Amino acid sequence: MSNSKHKDMKISFGVYRGHLVADIPNHYLNWLLEQDWFCKKFLDLKEQTEIELEYRKKFDIVID
């Protein structure tokens, strides 16, 4: 991704532990953003998740 804020961050928990945010399905990233514990505890990862989803929306990218 060419976004200057993009980082290759990995999820450190759950089903996708060890996976890059860029490789995780849209539905899971959207679900994470609905979780209070995620939004409060993982601020950098939350920001990266939002950036990734904005990028996917801009270019009509869906990862299942």
PDB file of N, CA and C in Angstrom:
ATOM      1  N   MET A   1       0.844  -1.174   0.000  1.00  0.00           N
ATOM      2  CA  MET A   1       0.000   0.000   0.000  1.00  0.00           C
ATOM      3  C   MET A   1       0.884   1.230   0.000  1.00  0.00           C
ATOM      4  N   SER A   2       0.514   2.247  -0.718  1.00  0.00           N
ATOM      5  CA  SER A   2       1.342   3.436  -0.829  1.00  0.00           C
ATOM      6  C   SER A   2       1.020   4.497   0.210  1.00  0.00           C
ATOM      7  N   ASN A   3       0.050   4.275   1.057  1.00  0.00           N
ATOM      8  CA  ASN A   3      -0.313   5.225   2.087  1.00  0.00           C
ATOM      9  C   ASN A   3       0.856   5.405   3.046  1.00  0.00           C
ATOM     10  N   SER A   4       1.244   6.652   3.292  1.00  0.00           N
ATOM     11  CA  SER A   4       2.410   6.920   4.135  1.00  0.00           C
ATOM     12  C   SER A   4       2.187   6.518   5.585  1.00  0.00           C
ATOM     13  N   LYS A   5       0.926   6.381   6.008  1.00  0.00           N
ATOM     14  CA  LYS A   5       0.635   5.962   7.376  1.00  0.00           C
ATOM     15  C   LYS A   5       0.592   4.441   7.515  1.00  0.00           C
ATOM     16  N   HIS A   6       0.679   3.741   6.411  1.00  0.00           N
ATOM     17  CA  HIS A   6       0.564   2.288   6.441  1.00  0.00           C
ATOM     18  C   HIS A   6       1.773   1.662   7.118  1.00  0.00           C
ATOM     19  N   LYS A   7       1.494   0.711   7.977  1.00  0.00           N
ATOM     20  CA  LYS A   7       2.534  -0.063   8.639  1.00  0.00           C
ATOM     21  C   LYS A   7       2.150  -1.529   8.459  1.00  0.00           C
ATOM     22  N   ASP A   8       3.135  -2.387   8.424  1.00  0.00           N
ATOM     23  CA  ASP A   8       2.851  -3.819   8.362  1.00  0.00           C
ATOM     24  C   ASP A   8       2.659  -4.331   9.784  1.00  0.00           C
ATOM     25  N   MET A   9       1.467  -4.142  10.314  1.00  0.00           N
ATOM     26  CA  MET A   9       1.167  -4.556  11.684  1.00  0.00           C
ATOM     27  C   MET A   9       0.493  -5.918  11.672  1.00  0.00           C
ATOM     28  N   LYS A  10       0.823  -6.707  12.693  1.00  0.00           N
ATOM     29  CA  LYS A  10       0.222  -8.026  12.846  1.00  0.00           C
ATOM     30  C   LYS A  10      -0.736  -8.037  14.025  1.00  0.00           C
ATOM     31  N   ILE A  11      -1.765  -8.850  13.887  1.00  0.00           N
ATOM     32  CA  ILE A  11      -2.702  -9.081  14.985  1.00  0.00           C
ATOM     33  C   ILE A  11      -2.007 -10.010  15.993  1.00  0.00           C
ATOM     34  N   SER A  12      -2.115  -9.676  17.261  1.00  0.00           N
ATOM     35  CA  SER A  12      -1.410 -10.450  18.290  1.00  0.00           C
ATOM     36  C   SER A  12      -2.346 -11.323  19.122  1.00  0.00           C
ATOM     37  N   PHE A  13      -3.558 -11.567  18.611  1.00  0.00           N
ATOM     38  CA  PHE A  13      -4.544 -12.322  19.377  1.00  0.00           C
ATOM     39  C   PHE A  13      -5.553 -12.968  18.427  1.00  0.00           C
ATOM     40  N   GLY A  14      -6.324 -13.885  18.965  1.00  0.00           N
ATOM     41  CA  GLY A  14      -7.468 -14.436  18.255  1.00  0.00           C
ATOM     42  C   GLY A  14      -7.147 -15.326  17.065  1.00  0.00           C
ATOM     43  N   VAL A  15      -8.163 -15.517  16.261  1.00  0.00           N
ATOM     44  CA  VAL A  15      -8.116 -16.417  15.105  1.00  0.00           C
ATOM     45  C   VAL A  15      -7.014 -16.035  14.123  1.00  0.00           C
ATOM     46  N   TYR A  16      -6.774 -14.738  13.966  1.00  0.00           N
ATOM     47  CA  TYR A  16      -5.793 -14.260  12.985  1.00  0.00           C
ATOM     48  C   TYR A  16      -4.465 -13.840  13.623  1.00  0.00           C
ATOM     49  N   ARG A  17      -4.160 -14.401  14.775  1.00  0.00           N
ATOM     50  CA  ARG A  17      -2.894 -14.106  15.464  1.00  0.00           C
ATOM     51  C   ARG A  17      -1.727 -14.350  14.508  1.00  0.00           C
ATOM     52  N   GLY A  18      -0.837 -13.341  14.417  1.00  0.00           N
ATOM     53  CA  GLY A  18       0.336 -13.461  13.569  1.00  0.00           C
ATOM     54  C   GLY A  18       0.116 -13.037  12.125  1.00  0.00           C
ATOM     55  N   HIS A  19      -1.117 -12.733  11.754  1.00  0.00           N
ATOM     56  CA  HIS A  19      -1.431 -12.294  10.390  1.00  0.00           C
ATOM     57  C   HIS A  19      -1.316 -10.776  10.284  1.00  0.00           C
ATOM     58  N   LEU A  20      -0.854 -10.309   9.136  1.00  0.00           N
ATOM     59  CA  LEU A  20      -0.835  -8.875   8.869  1.00  0.00           C
ATOM     60  C   LEU A  20      -2.255  -8.352   8.715  1.00  0.00           C
ATOM     61  N   VAL A  21      -2.491  -7.142   9.171  1.00  0.00           N
ATOM     62  CA  VAL A  21      -3.800  -6.516   9.017  1.00  0.00           C
ATOM     63  C   VAL A  21      -4.225  -6.535   7.551  1.00  0.00           C
ATOM     64  N   ALA A  22      -3.288  -6.309   6.653  1.00  0.00           N
ATOM     65  CA  ALA A  22      -3.582  -6.266   5.216  1.00  0.00           C
ATOM     66  C   ALA A  22      -4.058  -7.609   4.662  1.00  0.00           C
ATOM     67  N   ASP A  23      -3.858  -8.695   5.398  1.00  0.00           N
ATOM     68  CA  ASP A  23      -4.252 -10.029   4.928  1.00  0.00           C
ATOM     69  C   ASP A  23      -5.520 -10.553   5.590  1.00  0.00           C
ATOM     70  N   ILE A  24      -6.106  -9.797   6.478  1.00  0.00           N
ATOM     71  CA  ILE A  24      -7.259 -10.248   7.255  1.00  0.00           C
ATOM     72  C   ILE A  24      -8.560  -9.853   6.547  1.00  0.00           C
ATOM     73  N   PRO A  25      -9.551 -10.748   6.549  1.00  0.00           N
ATOM     74  CA  PRO A  25     -10.821 -10.466   5.870  1.00  0.00           C
ATOM     75  C   PRO A  25     -11.512  -9.197   6.379  1.00  0.00           C
ATOM     76  N   ASN A  26     -12.195  -8.540   5.464  1.00  0.00           N
ATOM     77  CA  ASN A  26     -12.920  -7.309   5.790  1.00  0.00           C
ATOM     78  C   ASN A  26     -13.876  -7.503   6.966  1.00  0.00           C
ATOM     79  N   HIS A  27     -14.626  -8.604   6.950  1.00  0.00           N
ATOM     80  CA  HIS A  27     -15.634  -8.809   7.992  1.00  0.00           C
ATOM     81  C   HIS A  27     -15.011  -8.843   9.382  1.00  0.00           C
ATOM     82  N   TYR A  28     -13.832  -9.413   9.508  1.00  0.00           N
ATOM     83  CA  TYR A  28     -13.177  -9.494  10.812  1.00  0.00           C
ATOM     84  C   TYR A  28     -12.666  -8.117  11.234  1.00  0.00           C
ATOM     85  N   LEU A  29     -12.097  -7.365  10.314  1.00  0.00           N
ATOM     86  CA  LEU A  29     -11.617  -6.020  10.643  1.00  0.00           C
ATOM     87  C   LEU A  29     -12.777  -5.127  11.071  1.00  0.00           C
ATOM     88  N   ASN A  30     -13.898  -5.220  10.355  1.00  0.00           N
ATOM     89  CA  ASN A  30     -15.084  -4.449  10.744  1.00  0.00           C
ATOM     90  C   ASN A  30     -15.588  -4.873  12.115  1.00  0.00           C
ATOM     91  N   TRP A  31     -15.581  -6.171  12.377  1.00  0.00           N
ATOM     92  CA  TRP A  31     -16.025  -6.682  13.675  1.00  0.00           C
ATOM     93  C   TRP A  31     -15.128  -6.140  14.782  1.00  0.00           C
ATOM     94  N   LEU A  32     -13.810  -6.157  14.567  1.00  0.00           N
ATOM     95  CA  LEU A  32     -12.886  -5.639  15.573  1.00  0.00           C
ATOM     96  C   LEU A  32     -13.212  -4.203  15.950  1.00  0.00           C
ATOM     97  N   LEU A  33     -13.510  -3.382  14.944  1.00  0.00           N
ATOM     98  CA  LEU A  33     -13.791  -1.973  15.209  1.00  0.00           C
ATOM     99  C   LEU A  33     -15.085  -1.761  15.991  1.00  0.00           C
ATOM    100  N   GLU A  34     -15.913  -2.776  16.059  1.00  0.00           N
ATOM    101  CA  GLU A  34     -17.150  -2.707  16.846  1.00  0.00           C
ATOM    102  C   GLU A  34     -16.927  -3.124  18.297  1.00  0.00           C
ATOM    103  N   GLN A  35     -15.736  -3.631  18.611  1.00  0.00           N
ATOM    104  CA  GLN A  35     -15.447  -4.143  19.953  1.00  0.00           C
ATOM    105  C   GLN A  35     -14.789  -3.073  20.816  1.00  0.00           C
ATOM    106  N   ASP A  36     -15.420  -2.744  21.950  1.00  0.00           N
ATOM    107  CA  ASP A  36     -14.868  -1.730  22.856  1.00  0.00           C
ATOM    108  C   ASP A  36     -13.483  -2.103  23.356  1.00  0.00           C
ATOM    109  N   TRP A  37     -13.282  -3.368  23.714  1.00  0.00           N
ATOM    110  CA  TRP A  37     -11.991  -3.793  24.249  1.00  0.00           C
ATOM    111  C   TRP A  37     -10.877  -3.572  23.235  1.00  0.00           C
ATOM    112  N   PHE A  38     -11.166  -3.799  21.964  1.00  0.00           N
ATOM    113  CA  PHE A  38     -10.174  -3.605  20.915  1.00  0.00           C
ATOM    114  C   PHE A  38      -9.857  -2.120  20.749  1.00  0.00           C
ATOM    115  N   CYS A  39     -10.879  -1.311  20.676  1.00  0.00           N
ATOM    116  CA  CYS A  39     -10.696   0.128  20.448  1.00  0.00           C
ATOM    117  C   CYS A  39      -9.997   0.823  21.607  1.00  0.00           C
ATOM    118  N   LYS A  40     -10.145   0.296  22.812  1.00  0.00           N
ATOM    119  CA  LYS A  40      -9.520   0.897  23.994  1.00  0.00           C
ATOM    120  C   LYS A  40      -8.103   0.385  24.241  1.00  0.00           C
ATOM    121  N   LYS A  41      -7.877  -0.885  23.991  1.00  0.00           N
ATOM    122  CA  LYS A  41      -6.606  -1.514  24.347  1.00  0.00           C
ATOM    123  C   LYS A  41      -5.563  -1.470  23.233  1.00  0.00           C
ATOM    124  N   PHE A  42      -5.994  -1.482  21.989  1.00  0.00           N
ATOM    125  CA  PHE A  42      -5.079  -1.588  20.853  1.00  0.00           C
ATOM    126  C   PHE A  42      -5.196  -0.351  19.957  1.00  0.00           C
ATOM    127  N   LEU A  43      -4.809   0.805  20.462  1.00  0.00           N
ATOM    128  CA  LEU A  43      -5.006   2.064  19.747  1.00  0.00           C
ATOM    129  C   LEU A  43      -4.275   2.111  18.409  1.00  0.00           C
ATOM    130  N   ASP A  44      -3.004   1.698  18.373  1.00  0.00           N
ATOM    131  CA  ASP A  44      -2.246   1.706  17.120  1.00  0.00           C
ATOM    132  C   ASP A  44      -2.843   0.729  16.112  1.00  0.00           C
ATOM    133  N   LEU A  45      -3.220  -0.433  16.590  1.00  0.00           N
ATOM    134  CA  LEU A  45      -3.808  -1.440  15.719  1.00  0.00           C
ATOM    135  C   LEU A  45      -5.184  -0.997  15.223  1.00  0.00           C
ATOM    136  N   LYS A  46      -5.938  -0.330  16.074  1.00  0.00           N
ATOM    137  CA  LYS A  46      -7.238   0.223  15.676  1.00  0.00           C
ATOM    138  C   LYS A  46      -7.038   1.234  14.548  1.00  0.00           C
ATOM    139  N   GLU A  47      -6.075   2.126  14.699  1.00  0.00           N
ATOM    140  CA  GLU A  47      -5.809   3.123  13.664  1.00  0.00           C
ATOM    141  C   GLU A  47      -5.411   2.443  12.354  1.00  0.00           C
ATOM    142  N   GLN A  48      -4.567   1.439  12.445  1.00  0.00           N
ATOM    143  CA  GLN A  48      -4.126   0.733  11.245  1.00  0.00           C
ATOM    144  C   GLN A  48      -5.275  -0.002  10.579  1.00  0.00           C
ATOM    145  N   THR A  49      -6.160  -0.561  11.375  1.00  0.00           N
ATOM    146  CA  THR A  49      -7.342  -1.243  10.854  1.00  0.00           C
ATOM    147  C   THR A  49      -8.233  -0.262  10.098  1.00  0.00           C
ATOM    148  N   GLU A  50      -8.422   0.917  10.654  1.00  0.00           N
ATOM    149  CA  GLU A  50      -9.228   1.941   9.980  1.00  0.00           C
ATOM    150  C   GLU A  50      -8.586   2.373   8.663  1.00  0.00           C
ATOM    151  N   ILE A  51      -7.279   2.561   8.668  1.00  0.00           N
ATOM    152  CA  ILE A  51      -6.552   2.944   7.447  1.00  0.00           C
ATOM    153  C   ILE A  51      -6.700   1.865   6.388  1.00  0.00           C
ATOM    154  N   GLU A  52      -6.546   0.608   6.796  1.00  0.00           N
ATOM    155  CA  GLU A  52      -6.660  -0.502   5.854  1.00  0.00           C
ATOM    156  C   GLU A  52      -8.051  -0.573   5.240  1.00  0.00           C
ATOM    157  N   LEU A  53      -9.079  -0.431   6.071  1.00  0.00           N
ATOM    158  CA  LEU A  53     -10.450  -0.498   5.551  1.00  0.00           C
ATOM    159  C   LEU A  53     -10.763   0.687   4.645  1.00  0.00           C
ATOM    160  N   GLU A  54     -10.243   1.864   4.950  1.00  0.00           N
ATOM    161  CA  GLU A  54     -10.435   3.024   4.065  1.00  0.00           C
ATOM    162  C   GLU A  54      -9.780   2.770   2.706  1.00  0.00           C
ATOM    163  N   TYR A  55      -8.603   2.204   2.724  1.00  0.00           N
ATOM    164  CA  TYR A  55      -7.893   1.868   1.486  1.00  0.00           C
ATOM    165  C   TYR A  55      -8.696   0.873   0.657  1.00  0.00           C
ATOM    166  N   ARG A  56      -9.191  -0.160   1.308  1.00  0.00           N
ATOM    167  CA  ARG A  56      -9.981  -1.172   0.600  1.00  0.00           C
ATOM    168  C   ARG A  56     -11.250  -0.573   0.014  1.00  0.00           C
ATOM    169  N   LYS A  57     -11.893   0.303   0.772  1.00  0.00           N
ATOM    170  CA  LYS A  57     -13.106   0.943   0.272  1.00  0.00           C
ATOM    171  C   LYS A  57     -12.799   1.811  -0.941  1.00  0.00           C
ATOM    172  N   LYS A  58     -11.720   2.571  -0.879  1.00  0.00           N
ATOM    173  CA  LYS A  58     -11.333   3.463  -1.973  1.00  0.00           C
ATOM    174  C   LYS A  58     -11.102   2.699  -3.270  1.00  0.00           C
ATOM    175  N   PHE A  59     -10.500   1.518  -3.165  1.00  0.00           N
ATOM    176  CA  PHE A  59     -10.156   0.732  -4.349  1.00  0.00           C
ATOM    177  C   PHE A  59     -11.060  -0.484  -4.540  1.00  0.00           C
ATOM    178  N   ASP A  60     -12.173  -0.524  -3.802  1.00  0.00           N
ATOM    179  CA  ASP A  60     -13.163  -1.597  -3.924  1.00  0.00           C
ATOM    180  C   ASP A  60     -12.517  -2.973  -3.766  1.00  0.00           C
ATOM    181  N   ILE A  61     -11.764  -3.122  -2.694  1.00  0.00           N
ATOM    182  CA  ILE A  61     -11.066  -4.382  -2.411  1.00  0.00           C
ATOM    183  C   ILE A  61     -11.824  -5.111  -1.302  1.00  0.00           C
ATOM    184  N   VAL A  62     -12.132  -6.367  -1.550  1.00  0.00           N
ATOM    185  CA  VAL A  62     -12.779  -7.206  -0.546  1.00  0.00           C
ATOM    186  C   VAL A  62     -11.925  -8.437  -0.342  1.00  0.00           C
ATOM    187  N   ILE A  63     -11.537  -8.680   0.895  1.00  0.00           N
ATOM    188  CA  ILE A  63     -10.814  -9.903   1.247  1.00  0.00           C
ATOM    189  C   ILE A  63     -11.769 -10.725   2.091  1.00  0.00           C
ATOM    190  N   ASP A  64     -12.073 -11.926   1.616  1.00  0.00           N
ATOM    191  CA  ASP A  64     -13.026 -12.813   2.318  1.00  0.00           C
ATOM    192  C   ASP A  64     -12.311 -13.736   3.265  1.00  0.00           C
TER     193      ASP A  64
END
